């Protein structure tokens, strides 16, 4: 049975997305205290709120599987009732600068040390259908590095947090570099302009003022139309692209914004004041995977 496409593309799509992994990656626990603090009265009691949150999670997986429309009234009403729907706000803080640039090999080692299965799982979570096509070393390293900042551990913790905690206070420059990488939101960029132009909404502080450096790993051989990457300011004034995935075509913004808005709503379960960038940072793999999936379907239609 073929139902609505879970990613919002116009063509039919199998309802199950074998690359999504959304139901296996934990979010931080929803916060009733935060809900009470930032909601307008009248407020539900804790038990009613918990039941609504459980219903929202169930309906959300049905939306992602294509069993419900993105416009499903029951799902939207539940989202509204929990206070997840609201204006998109942006982070106003400047990005911290990175004194050093951790190498790809080092980032992969960090991931392997705190989640030996994450490099393999990351191929599906980050590369979507291309994860099943025996990706080369460079793509596998990129996928693992993206998983470094994905919330995969209990209570929504990131692998980088576990590494810093267990490493006995690593060198200050390295800690600052990891903080800078974590704060830079992943973004879809047009790399054929100087400076790079974002193709989705993003905070003003994330816009590079000039040339962007750093290697780009192509998803498939050939010309690169767009890039998914974190662009980080360095202490020496350069801006460097990290985990830069080169795409053979440019995905349309509307379905990407819709999918990332769901990430924002998931983030707001724990923090009602979460910004758009908070959602991008919390689920970087979603942007990579959605872009890769769109490219795969676009190439099939050629």
C-alpha atoms as a PDB file:
ATOM      1  CA  UNK A   1       0.000   0.000   0.000  1.00  0.00           C
ATOM      2  CA  UNK A   2       1.429   3.362  -1.010  1.00  0.00           C
ATOM      3  CA  UNK A   3       0.462   6.362   1.056  1.00  0.00           C
ATOM      4  CA  UNK A   4       1.501   9.975   1.478  1.00  0.00           C
ATOM      5  CA  UNK A   5       5.195  10.684   1.103  1.00  0.00           C
ATOM      6  CA  UNK A   6       6.639  11.212   4.611  1.00  0.00           C
ATOM      7  CA  UNK A   7       9.106  13.796   3.320  1.00  0.00           C
ATOM      8  CA  UNK A   8       6.523  15.848   1.456  1.00  0.00           C
ATOM      9  CA  UNK A   9       7.733  15.191  -2.110  1.00  0.00           C
ATOM     10  CA  UNK A  10       4.987  15.317  -4.729  1.00  0.00           C
ATOM     11  CA  UNK A  11       5.423  11.752  -5.962  1.00  0.00           C
ATOM     12  CA  UNK A  12       4.184   8.603  -4.212  1.00  0.00           C
ATOM     13  CA  UNK A  13       6.485   7.049  -1.651  1.00  0.00           C
ATOM     14  CA  UNK A  14       6.455   3.904   0.457  1.00  0.00           C
ATOM     15  CA  UNK A  15       5.033   4.825   3.874  1.00  0.00           C
ATOM     16  CA  UNK A  16       7.972   3.402   5.841  1.00  0.00           C
ATOM     17  CA  UNK A  17      11.239   5.355   5.672  1.00  0.00           C
ATOM     18  CA  UNK A  18      14.018   2.853   6.441  1.00  0.00           C
ATOM     19  CA  UNK A  19      16.558   5.681   6.837  1.00  0.00           C
ATOM     20  CA  UNK A  20      14.612   7.910   9.182  1.00  0.00           C
ATOM     21  CA  UNK A  21      15.589   6.404  12.515  1.00  0.00           C
ATOM     22  CA  UNK A  22      13.500   9.088  14.227  1.00  0.00           C
ATOM     23  CA  UNK A  23      11.753   6.687  16.552  1.00  0.00           C
ATOM     24  CA  UNK A  24      15.092   5.215  17.690  1.00  0.00           C
ATOM     25  CA  UNK A  25      16.864   8.492  18.511  1.00  0.00           C
ATOM     26  CA  UNK A  26      15.860   9.863  21.926  1.00  0.00           C
ATOM     27  CA  UNK A  27      14.728  13.429  22.507  1.00  0.00           C
ATOM     28  CA  UNK A  28      15.152  15.148  25.861  1.00  0.00           C
ATOM     29  CA  UNK A  29      12.172  14.397  28.067  1.00  0.00           C
ATOM     30  CA  UNK A  30       9.238  16.755  27.637  1.00  0.00           C
ATOM     31  CA  UNK A  31       9.045  19.308  30.461  1.00  0.00           C
ATOM     32  CA  UNK A  32       5.741  20.008  32.194  1.00  0.00           C
ATOM     33  CA  UNK A  33       7.438  22.722  34.255  1.00  0.00           C
ATOM     34  CA  UNK A  34       8.541  24.500  31.101  1.00  0.00           C
ATOM     35  CA  UNK A  35       5.035  24.095  29.670  1.00  0.00           C
ATOM     36  CA  UNK A  36       3.483  25.682  32.752  1.00  0.00           C
ATOM     37  CA  UNK A  37       6.020  28.518  32.849  1.00  0.00           C
ATOM     38  CA  UNK A  38       5.534  29.609  29.247  1.00  0.00           C
ATOM     39  CA  UNK A  39       1.898  28.713  28.519  1.00  0.00           C
ATOM     40  CA  UNK A  40      -1.108  30.955  28.671  1.00  0.00           C
ATOM     41  CA  UNK A  41      -3.868  29.774  31.021  1.00  0.00           C
ATOM     42  CA  UNK A  42      -5.965  27.689  31.232  1.00  0.00           C
ATOM     43  CA  UNK A  43      -3.418  24.909  31.717  1.00  0.00           C
ATOM     44  CA  UNK A  44      -4.033  21.142  31.789  1.00  0.00           C
ATOM     45  CA  UNK A  45      -3.025  19.202  34.861  1.00  0.00           C
ATOM     46  CA  UNK A  46       0.112  17.072  34.637  1.00  0.00           C
ATOM     47  CA  UNK A  47      -1.739  13.843  33.836  1.00  0.00           C
ATOM     48  CA  UNK A  48      -3.752  15.430  31.027  1.00  0.00           C
ATOM     49  CA  UNK A  49      -0.627  17.073  29.629  1.00  0.00           C
ATOM     50  CA  UNK A  50       1.295  13.780  29.730  1.00  0.00           C
ATOM     51  CA  UNK A  51      -1.516  12.021  27.864  1.00  0.00           C
ATOM     52  CA  UNK A  52      -1.551  14.757  25.222  1.00  0.00           C
ATOM     53  CA  UNK A  53       2.229  14.497  24.837  1.00  0.00           C
ATOM     54  CA  UNK A  54       2.029  10.715  24.399  1.00  0.00           C
ATOM     55  CA  UNK A  55      -0.698  11.180  21.779  1.00  0.00           C
ATOM     56  CA  UNK A  56       1.411  13.767  19.976  1.00  0.00           C
ATOM     57  CA  UNK A  57       4.360  11.407  19.763  1.00  0.00           C
ATOM     58  CA  UNK A  58       2.188   8.621  18.342  1.00  0.00           C
ATOM     59  CA  UNK A  59       0.594  10.904  15.759  1.00  0.00           C
ATOM     60  CA  UNK A  60       4.005  12.335  14.835  1.00  0.00           C
ATOM     61  CA  UNK A  61       5.411   8.902  13.928  1.00  0.00           C
ATOM     62  CA  UNK A  62       2.319   8.297  11.791  1.00  0.00           C
ATOM     63  CA  UNK A  63       3.008  11.556   9.968  1.00  0.00           C
ATOM     64  CA  UNK A  64       6.641  10.571   9.414  1.00  0.00           C
ATOM     65  CA  UNK A  65       5.592   7.149   8.107  1.00  0.00           C
ATOM     66  CA  UNK A  66       3.199   8.760   5.644  1.00  0.00           C
ATOM     67  CA  UNK A  67       0.106   7.384   7.402  1.00  0.00           C
ATOM     68  CA  UNK A  68      -1.139  10.900   8.146  1.00  0.00           C
ATOM     69  CA  UNK A  69      -0.935  14.131   6.198  1.00  0.00           C
ATOM     70  CA  UNK A  70       1.236  17.034   7.326  1.00  0.00           C
ATOM     71  CA  UNK A  71      -2.099  18.890   7.491  1.00  0.00           C
ATOM     72  CA  UNK A  72      -3.847  16.251   9.611  1.00  0.00           C
ATOM     73  CA  UNK A  73      -6.251  18.194  11.886  1.00  0.00           C
ATOM     74  CA  UNK A  74      -5.888  15.871  14.890  1.00  0.00           C
ATOM     75  CA  UNK A  75      -2.092  16.127  14.832  1.00  0.00           C
ATOM     76  CA  UNK A  76      -2.098  19.894  14.326  1.00  0.00           C
ATOM     77  CA  UNK A  77      -4.662  20.400  17.107  1.00  0.00           C
ATOM     78  CA  UNK A  78      -2.544  18.313  19.477  1.00  0.00           C
ATOM     79  CA  UNK A  79       0.577  20.282  18.503  1.00  0.00           C
ATOM     80  CA  UNK A  80      -1.250  23.547  19.112  1.00  0.00           C
ATOM     81  CA  UNK A  81      -2.617  22.364  22.454  1.00  0.00           C
ATOM     82  CA  UNK A  82       0.851  21.514  23.704  1.00  0.00           C
ATOM     83  CA  UNK A  83       2.148  24.961  22.724  1.00  0.00           C
ATOM     84  CA  UNK A  84       4.598  23.595  20.144  1.00  0.00           C
ATOM     85  CA  UNK A  85       3.256  25.716  17.303  1.00  0.00           C
ATOM     86  CA  UNK A  86       4.390  29.319  17.230  1.00  0.00           C
ATOM     87  CA  UNK A  87       6.549  31.878  15.448  1.00  0.00           C
ATOM     88  CA  UNK A  88       9.987  30.778  14.322  1.00  0.00           C
ATOM     89  CA  UNK A  89      12.611  32.657  16.326  1.00  0.00           C
ATOM     90  CA  UNK A  90      16.349  32.844  15.715  1.00  0.00           C
ATOM     91  CA  UNK A  91      19.386  32.753  17.963  1.00  0.00           C
ATOM     92  CA  UNK A  92      20.771  36.276  18.374  1.00  0.00           C
ATOM     93  CA  UNK A  93      24.112  35.270  19.885  1.00  0.00           C
ATOM     94  CA  UNK A  94      27.290  35.508  17.794  1.00  0.00           C
ATOM     95  CA  UNK A  95      28.957  32.213  16.994  1.00  0.00           C
ATOM     96  CA  UNK A  96      31.993  31.370  19.132  1.00  0.00           C
ATOM     97  CA  UNK A  97      35.272  31.097  17.237  1.00  0.00           C
ATOM     98  CA  UNK A  98      37.254  27.879  17.010  1.00  0.00           C
ATOM     99  CA  UNK A  99      40.963  28.130  17.882  1.00  0.00           C
ATOM    100  CA  UNK A 100      41.676  24.815  16.092  1.00  0.00           C
ATOM    101  CA  UNK A 101      39.886  22.579  13.599  1.00  0.00           C
ATOM    102  CA  UNK A 102      39.467  18.974  14.830  1.00  0.00           C
ATOM    103  CA  UNK A 103      40.339  16.579  12.023  1.00  0.00           C
ATOM    104  CA  UNK A 104      37.797  14.189  10.522  1.00  0.00           C
ATOM    105  CA  UNK A 105      39.793  11.193  11.822  1.00  0.00           C
ATOM    106  CA  UNK A 106      39.726  12.592  15.347  1.00  0.00           C
ATOM    107  CA  UNK A 107      35.975  13.179  15.222  1.00  0.00           C
ATOM    108  CA  UNK A 108      35.381   9.640  13.981  1.00  0.00           C
ATOM    109  CA  UNK A 109      37.496   8.270  16.842  1.00  0.00           C
ATOM    110  CA  UNK A 110      35.375  10.237  19.320  1.00  0.00           C
ATOM    111  CA  UNK A 111      32.204   8.714  17.898  1.00  0.00           C
ATOM    112  CA  UNK A 112      33.588   5.166  17.826  1.00  0.00           C
ATOM    113  CA  UNK A 113      34.798   5.390  21.429  1.00  0.00           C
ATOM    114  CA  UNK A 114      31.345   6.284  22.756  1.00  0.00           C
ATOM    115  CA  UNK A 115      29.102   4.474  20.303  1.00  0.00           C
ATOM    116  CA  UNK A 116      30.840   1.745  18.300  1.00  0.00           C
ATOM    117  CA  UNK A 117      27.754   1.214  16.143  1.00  0.00           C
ATOM    118  CA  UNK A 118      27.255   4.908  15.364  1.00  0.00           C
ATOM    119  CA  UNK A 119      29.559   5.099  12.326  1.00  0.00           C
ATOM    120  CA  UNK A 120      27.545   2.311  10.672  1.00  0.00           C
ATOM    121  CA  UNK A 121      24.180   3.671  11.816  1.00  0.00           C
ATOM    122  CA  UNK A 122      25.247   7.149  10.785  1.00  0.00           C
ATOM    123  CA  UNK A 123      25.405   6.080   7.156  1.00  0.00           C
ATOM    124  CA  UNK A 124      21.626   5.567   7.184  1.00  0.00           C
ATOM    125  CA  UNK A 125      20.804   8.454   9.518  1.00  0.00           C
ATOM    126  CA  UNK A 126      22.891  10.964   7.533  1.00  0.00           C
ATOM    127  CA  UNK A 127      23.145   9.632   3.954  1.00  0.00           C
ATOM    128  CA  UNK A 128      19.669   8.121   3.640  1.00  0.00           C
ATOM    129  CA  UNK A 129      19.458   5.802   0.623  1.00  0.00           C
ATOM    130  CA  UNK A 130      23.138   6.366  -0.178  1.00  0.00           C
ATOM    131  CA  UNK A 131      24.015   4.661   3.106  1.00  0.00           C
ATOM    132  CA  UNK A 132      22.923   1.368   1.499  1.00  0.00           C
ATOM    133  CA  UNK A 133      25.232   1.801  -1.497  1.00  0.00           C
ATOM    134  CA  UNK A 134      28.591   1.016   0.150  1.00  0.00           C
ATOM    135  CA  UNK A 135      29.688   4.647   0.567  1.00  0.00           C
ATOM    136  CA  UNK A 136      33.397   5.365   0.401  1.00  0.00           C
ATOM    137  CA  UNK A 137      35.663   6.249   3.308  1.00  0.00           C
ATOM    138  CA  UNK A 138      35.132  10.010   3.006  1.00  0.00           C
ATOM    139  CA  UNK A 139      31.327   9.744   3.129  1.00  0.00           C
ATOM    140  CA  UNK A 140      31.474   7.305   6.025  1.00  0.00           C
ATOM    141  CA  UNK A 141      33.728   9.657   7.974  1.00  0.00           C
ATOM    142  CA  UNK A 142      31.432  12.585   7.266  1.00  0.00           C
ATOM    143  CA  UNK A 143      28.387  10.638   8.458  1.00  0.00           C
ATOM    144  CA  UNK A 144      30.175   9.657  11.669  1.00  0.00           C
ATOM    145  CA  UNK A 145      31.247  13.251  12.310  1.00  0.00           C
ATOM    146  CA  UNK A 146      27.658  14.456  11.921  1.00  0.00           C
ATOM    147  CA  UNK A 147      26.589  11.881  14.520  1.00  0.00           C
ATOM    148  CA  UNK A 148      29.075  13.404  16.966  1.00  0.00           C
ATOM    149  CA  UNK A 149      26.602  16.256  17.571  1.00  0.00           C
ATOM    150  CA  UNK A 150      23.369  14.258  17.204  1.00  0.00           C
ATOM    151  CA  UNK A 151      21.370  13.448  20.321  1.00  0.00           C
ATOM    152  CA  UNK A 152      21.633   9.678  20.395  1.00  0.00           C
ATOM    153  CA  UNK A 153      22.184   8.865  24.077  1.00  0.00           C
ATOM    154  CA  UNK A 154      19.684   8.645  26.918  1.00  0.00           C
ATOM    155  CA  UNK A 155      17.995  11.900  27.882  1.00  0.00           C
ATOM    156  CA  UNK A 156      18.960  13.379  24.538  1.00  0.00           C
ATOM    157  CA  UNK A 157      22.703  13.696  25.263  1.00  0.00           C
ATOM    158  CA  UNK A 158      25.196  14.042  22.415  1.00  0.00           C
ATOM    159  CA  UNK A 159      28.253  11.883  21.819  1.00  0.00           C
ATOM    160  CA  UNK A 160      30.493  14.950  22.076  1.00  0.00           C
ATOM    161  CA  UNK A 161      29.146  15.591  25.596  1.00  0.00           C
ATOM    162  CA  UNK A 162      29.971  12.033  26.635  1.00  0.00           C
ATOM    163  CA  UNK A 163      33.481  12.343  25.198  1.00  0.00           C
ATOM    164  CA  UNK A 164      34.221  15.617  27.018  1.00  0.00           C
ATOM    165  CA  UNK A 165      32.875  14.181  30.279  1.00  0.00           C
ATOM    166  CA  UNK A 166      34.953  10.996  30.062  1.00  0.00           C
ATOM    167  CA  UNK A 167      38.177  12.534  28.738  1.00  0.00           C
ATOM    168  CA  UNK A 168      39.336  14.250  31.921  1.00  0.00           C
ATOM    169  CA  UNK A 169      39.034  17.846  30.730  1.00  0.00           C
ATOM    170  CA  UNK A 170      40.713  17.802  27.310  1.00  0.00           C
ATOM    171  CA  UNK A 171      42.843  20.740  26.198  1.00  0.00           C
ATOM    172  CA  UNK A 172      41.050  24.099  26.417  1.00  0.00           C
ATOM    173  CA  UNK A 173      41.546  24.886  22.705  1.00  0.00           C
ATOM    174  CA  UNK A 174      39.954  21.561  21.783  1.00  0.00           C
ATOM    175  CA  UNK A 175      36.995  22.143  24.101  1.00  0.00           C
ATOM    176  CA  UNK A 176      36.488  25.596  22.595  1.00  0.00           C
ATOM    177  CA  UNK A 177      36.686  24.165  19.083  1.00  0.00           C
ATOM    178  CA  UNK A 178      34.056  21.536  19.867  1.00  0.00           C
ATOM    179  CA  UNK A 179      31.828  24.210  21.408  1.00  0.00           C
ATOM    180  CA  UNK A 180      32.155  26.295  18.246  1.00  0.00           C
ATOM    181  CA  UNK A 181      31.329  23.305  16.040  1.00  0.00           C
ATOM    182  CA  UNK A 182      28.297  22.462  18.156  1.00  0.00           C
ATOM    183  CA  UNK A 183      26.967  26.022  18.100  1.00  0.00           C
ATOM    184  CA  UNK A 184      27.282  26.463  14.316  1.00  0.00           C
ATOM    185  CA  UNK A 185      23.936  25.304  12.885  1.00  0.00           C
ATOM    186  CA  UNK A 186      24.048  22.923   9.910  1.00  0.00           C
ATOM    187  CA  UNK A 187      22.694  24.666   6.835  1.00  0.00           C
ATOM    188  CA  UNK A 188      22.028  24.186   3.125  1.00  0.00           C
ATOM    189  CA  UNK A 189      24.288  26.572   1.208  1.00  0.00           C
ATOM    190  CA  UNK A 190      24.807  27.854  -2.310  1.00  0.00           C
ATOM    191  CA  UNK A 191      28.615  27.513  -2.560  1.00  0.00           C
ATOM    192  CA  UNK A 192      28.869  29.264  -5.928  1.00  0.00           C
ATOM    193  CA  UNK A 193      28.668  32.713  -4.377  1.00  0.00           C
ATOM    194  CA  UNK A 194      31.116  34.583  -2.192  1.00  0.00           C
ATOM    195  CA  UNK A 195      30.143  34.624   0.586  1.00  0.00           C
ATOM    196  CA  UNK A 196      28.137  31.421   0.601  1.00  0.00           C
ATOM    197  CA  UNK A 197      24.393  32.093   0.568  1.00  0.00           C
ATOM    198  CA  UNK A 198      22.053  30.116   2.873  1.00  0.00           C
ATOM    199  CA  UNK A 199      19.132  28.456   1.093  1.00  0.00           C
ATOM    200  CA  UNK A 200      17.054  28.086   4.278  1.00  0.00           C
ATOM    201  CA  UNK A 201      16.309  30.471   7.155  1.00  0.00           C
ATOM    202  CA  UNK A 202      19.240  30.897   9.537  1.00  0.00           C
ATOM    203  CA  UNK A 203      20.475  33.327  12.178  1.00  0.00           C
ATOM    204  CA  UNK A 204      22.336  36.421  11.013  1.00  0.00           C
ATOM    205  CA  UNK A 205      25.392  35.493  13.095  1.00  0.00           C
ATOM    206  CA  UNK A 206      25.901  32.309  11.078  1.00  0.00           C
ATOM    207  CA  UNK A 207      26.427  34.142   7.781  1.00  0.00           C
ATOM    208  CA  UNK A 208      30.078  34.165   6.677  1.00  0.00           C
ATOM    209  CA  UNK A 209      31.287  37.615   5.591  1.00  0.00           C
ATOM    210  CA  UNK A 210      33.622  36.323   2.894  1.00  0.00           C
ATOM    211  CA  UNK A 211      35.162  33.210   1.389  1.00  0.00           C
ATOM    212  CA  UNK A 212      34.494  29.820   3.020  1.00  0.00           C
ATOM    213  CA  UNK A 213      37.316  27.280   3.139  1.00  0.00           C
ATOM    214  CA  UNK A 214      37.359  23.544   3.789  1.00  0.00           C
ATOM    215  CA  UNK A 215      36.978  20.321   1.804  1.00  0.00           C
ATOM    216  CA  UNK A 216      33.612  19.298   0.351  1.00  0.00           C
ATOM    217  CA  UNK A 217      32.763  15.596   0.143  1.00  0.00           C
ATOM    218  CA  UNK A 218      30.519  14.932  -2.888  1.00  0.00           C
ATOM    219  CA  UNK A 219      27.486  12.727  -2.352  1.00  0.00           C
ATOM    220  CA  UNK A 220      27.983  11.358  -5.883  1.00  0.00           C
ATOM    221  CA  UNK A 221      30.736  12.019  -8.429  1.00  0.00           C
ATOM    222  CA  UNK A 222      30.199  15.088 -10.570  1.00  0.00           C
ATOM    223  CA  UNK A 223      29.345  18.751 -10.212  1.00  0.00           C
ATOM    224  CA  UNK A 224      28.211  20.130  -6.867  1.00  0.00           C
ATOM    225  CA  UNK A 225      25.065  22.268  -6.896  1.00  0.00           C
ATOM    226  CA  UNK A 226      24.613  22.834  -3.157  1.00  0.00           C
ATOM    227  CA  UNK A 227      26.340  21.994   0.114  1.00  0.00           C
ATOM    228  CA  UNK A 228      25.096  20.950   3.542  1.00  0.00           C
ATOM    229  CA  UNK A 229      27.636  22.031   6.159  1.00  0.00           C
ATOM    230  CA  UNK A 230      28.384  23.753   9.431  1.00  0.00           C
ATOM    231  CA  UNK A 231      30.311  26.947   8.689  1.00  0.00           C
ATOM    232  CA  UNK A 232      32.483  27.939  11.655  1.00  0.00           C
ATOM    233  CA  UNK A 233      34.470  31.137  12.309  1.00  0.00           C
ATOM    234  CA  UNK A 234      38.092  30.499  13.217  1.00  0.00           C
ATOM    235  CA  UNK A 235      40.257  32.496  15.600  1.00  0.00           C
ATOM    236  CA  UNK A 236      42.474  33.627  12.713  1.00  0.00           C
ATOM    237  CA  UNK A 237      39.523  35.240  10.895  1.00  0.00           C
ATOM    238  CA  UNK A 238      38.830  32.447   8.401  1.00  0.00           C
ATOM    239  CA  UNK A 239      35.445  30.738   8.035  1.00  0.00           C
ATOM    240  CA  UNK A 240      35.695  26.982   7.525  1.00  0.00           C
ATOM    241  CA  UNK A 241      33.065  24.471   6.395  1.00  0.00           C
ATOM    242  CA  UNK A 242      32.890  21.293   8.488  1.00  0.00           C
ATOM    243  CA  UNK A 243      31.132  18.045   7.523  1.00  0.00           C
ATOM    244  CA  UNK A 244      30.470  19.626   4.110  1.00  0.00           C
ATOM    245  CA  UNK A 245      28.363  17.321   1.929  1.00  0.00           C
ATOM    246  CA  UNK A 246      28.214  18.280  -1.757  1.00  0.00           C
ATOM    247  CA  UNK A 247      24.836  17.654  -3.418  1.00  0.00           C
ATOM    248  CA  UNK A 248      24.365  17.015  -7.158  1.00  0.00           C
ATOM    249  CA  UNK A 249      21.161  19.108  -7.199  1.00  0.00           C
ATOM    250  CA  UNK A 250      19.506  21.691  -4.960  1.00  0.00           C
ATOM    251  CA  UNK A 251      16.503  20.515  -2.919  1.00  0.00           C
ATOM    252  CA  UNK A 252      13.510  22.879  -2.747  1.00  0.00           C
ATOM    253  CA  UNK A 253      13.213  24.877   0.459  1.00  0.00           C
ATOM    254  CA  UNK A 254       9.541  24.289   1.289  1.00  0.00           C
ATOM    255  CA  UNK A 255       9.629  20.551   2.158  1.00  0.00           C
ATOM    256  CA  UNK A 256      12.912  21.042   4.003  1.00  0.00           C
ATOM    257  CA  UNK A 257      11.453  23.825   6.141  1.00  0.00           C
ATOM    258  CA  UNK A 258       8.387  21.684   6.839  1.00  0.00           C
ATOM    259  CA  UNK A 259      10.515  18.721   7.933  1.00  0.00           C
ATOM    260  CA  UNK A 260      12.793  20.907  10.069  1.00  0.00           C
ATOM    261  CA  UNK A 261       9.789  22.616  11.643  1.00  0.00           C
ATOM    262  CA  UNK A 262       8.846  19.213  13.015  1.00  0.00           C
ATOM    263  CA  UNK A 263      12.342  19.049  14.551  1.00  0.00           C
ATOM    264  CA  UNK A 264      11.623  22.432  16.116  1.00  0.00           C
ATOM    265  CA  UNK A 265       8.358  21.171  17.594  1.00  0.00           C
ATOM    266  CA  UNK A 266      10.162  18.124  18.996  1.00  0.00           C
ATOM    267  CA  UNK A 267      12.735  20.415  20.584  1.00  0.00           C
ATOM    268  CA  UNK A 268      10.022  22.607  22.071  1.00  0.00           C
ATOM    269  CA  UNK A 269       8.635  19.668  24.045  1.00  0.00           C
ATOM    270  CA  UNK A 270      11.537  20.215  26.448  1.00  0.00           C
ATOM    271  CA  UNK A 271      12.149  23.926  25.850  1.00  0.00           C
ATOM    272  CA  UNK A 272       9.230  26.060  24.719  1.00  0.00           C
ATOM    273  CA  UNK A 273      11.615  28.940  23.889  1.00  0.00           C
ATOM    274  CA  UNK A 274      13.758  26.829  21.530  1.00  0.00           C
ATOM    275  CA  UNK A 275      14.974  28.708  18.461  1.00  0.00           C
ATOM    276  CA  UNK A 276      15.166  27.483  14.883  1.00  0.00           C
ATOM    277  CA  UNK A 277      18.917  27.032  15.343  1.00  0.00           C
ATOM    278  CA  UNK A 278      18.351  24.931  18.484  1.00  0.00           C
ATOM    279  CA  UNK A 279      16.368  22.497  16.337  1.00  0.00           C
ATOM    280  CA  UNK A 280      19.042  22.409  13.618  1.00  0.00           C
ATOM    281  CA  UNK A 281      21.714  21.714  16.224  1.00  0.00           C
ATOM    282  CA  UNK A 282      19.619  19.055  17.983  1.00  0.00           C
ATOM    283  CA  UNK A 283      18.898  17.069  14.812  1.00  0.00           C
ATOM    284  CA  UNK A 284      21.642  17.816  12.249  1.00  0.00           C
ATOM    285  CA  UNK A 285      21.215  14.406  10.644  1.00  0.00           C
ATOM    286  CA  UNK A 286      17.675  15.262   9.526  1.00  0.00           C
ATOM    287  CA  UNK A 287      18.836  18.035   7.191  1.00  0.00           C
ATOM    288  CA  UNK A 288      21.577  15.870   5.687  1.00  0.00           C
ATOM    289  CA  UNK A 289      19.327  12.835   5.252  1.00  0.00           C
ATOM    290  CA  UNK A 290      16.392  14.761   3.808  1.00  0.00           C
ATOM    291  CA  UNK A 291      18.626  16.472   1.248  1.00  0.00           C
ATOM    292  CA  UNK A 292      20.271  13.153   0.312  1.00  0.00           C
ATOM    293  CA  UNK A 293      16.886  11.464  -0.072  1.00  0.00           C
ATOM    294  CA  UNK A 294      15.618  14.257  -2.307  1.00  0.00           C
ATOM    295  CA  UNK A 295      18.725  13.982  -4.498  1.00  0.00           C
ATOM    296  CA  UNK A 296      18.261  10.221  -4.837  1.00  0.00           C
ATOM    297  CA  UNK A 297      14.654  10.630  -5.926  1.00  0.00           C
ATOM    298  CA  UNK A 298      15.534  13.507  -8.258  1.00  0.00           C
ATOM    299  CA  UNK A 299      18.232  11.388  -9.967  1.00  0.00           C
ATOM    300  CA  UNK A 300      15.776   8.497 -10.383  1.00  0.00           C
ATOM    301  CA  UNK A 301      13.395  10.829 -12.227  1.00  0.00           C
ATOM    302  CA  UNK A 302      16.075  11.964 -14.687  1.00  0.00           C
END
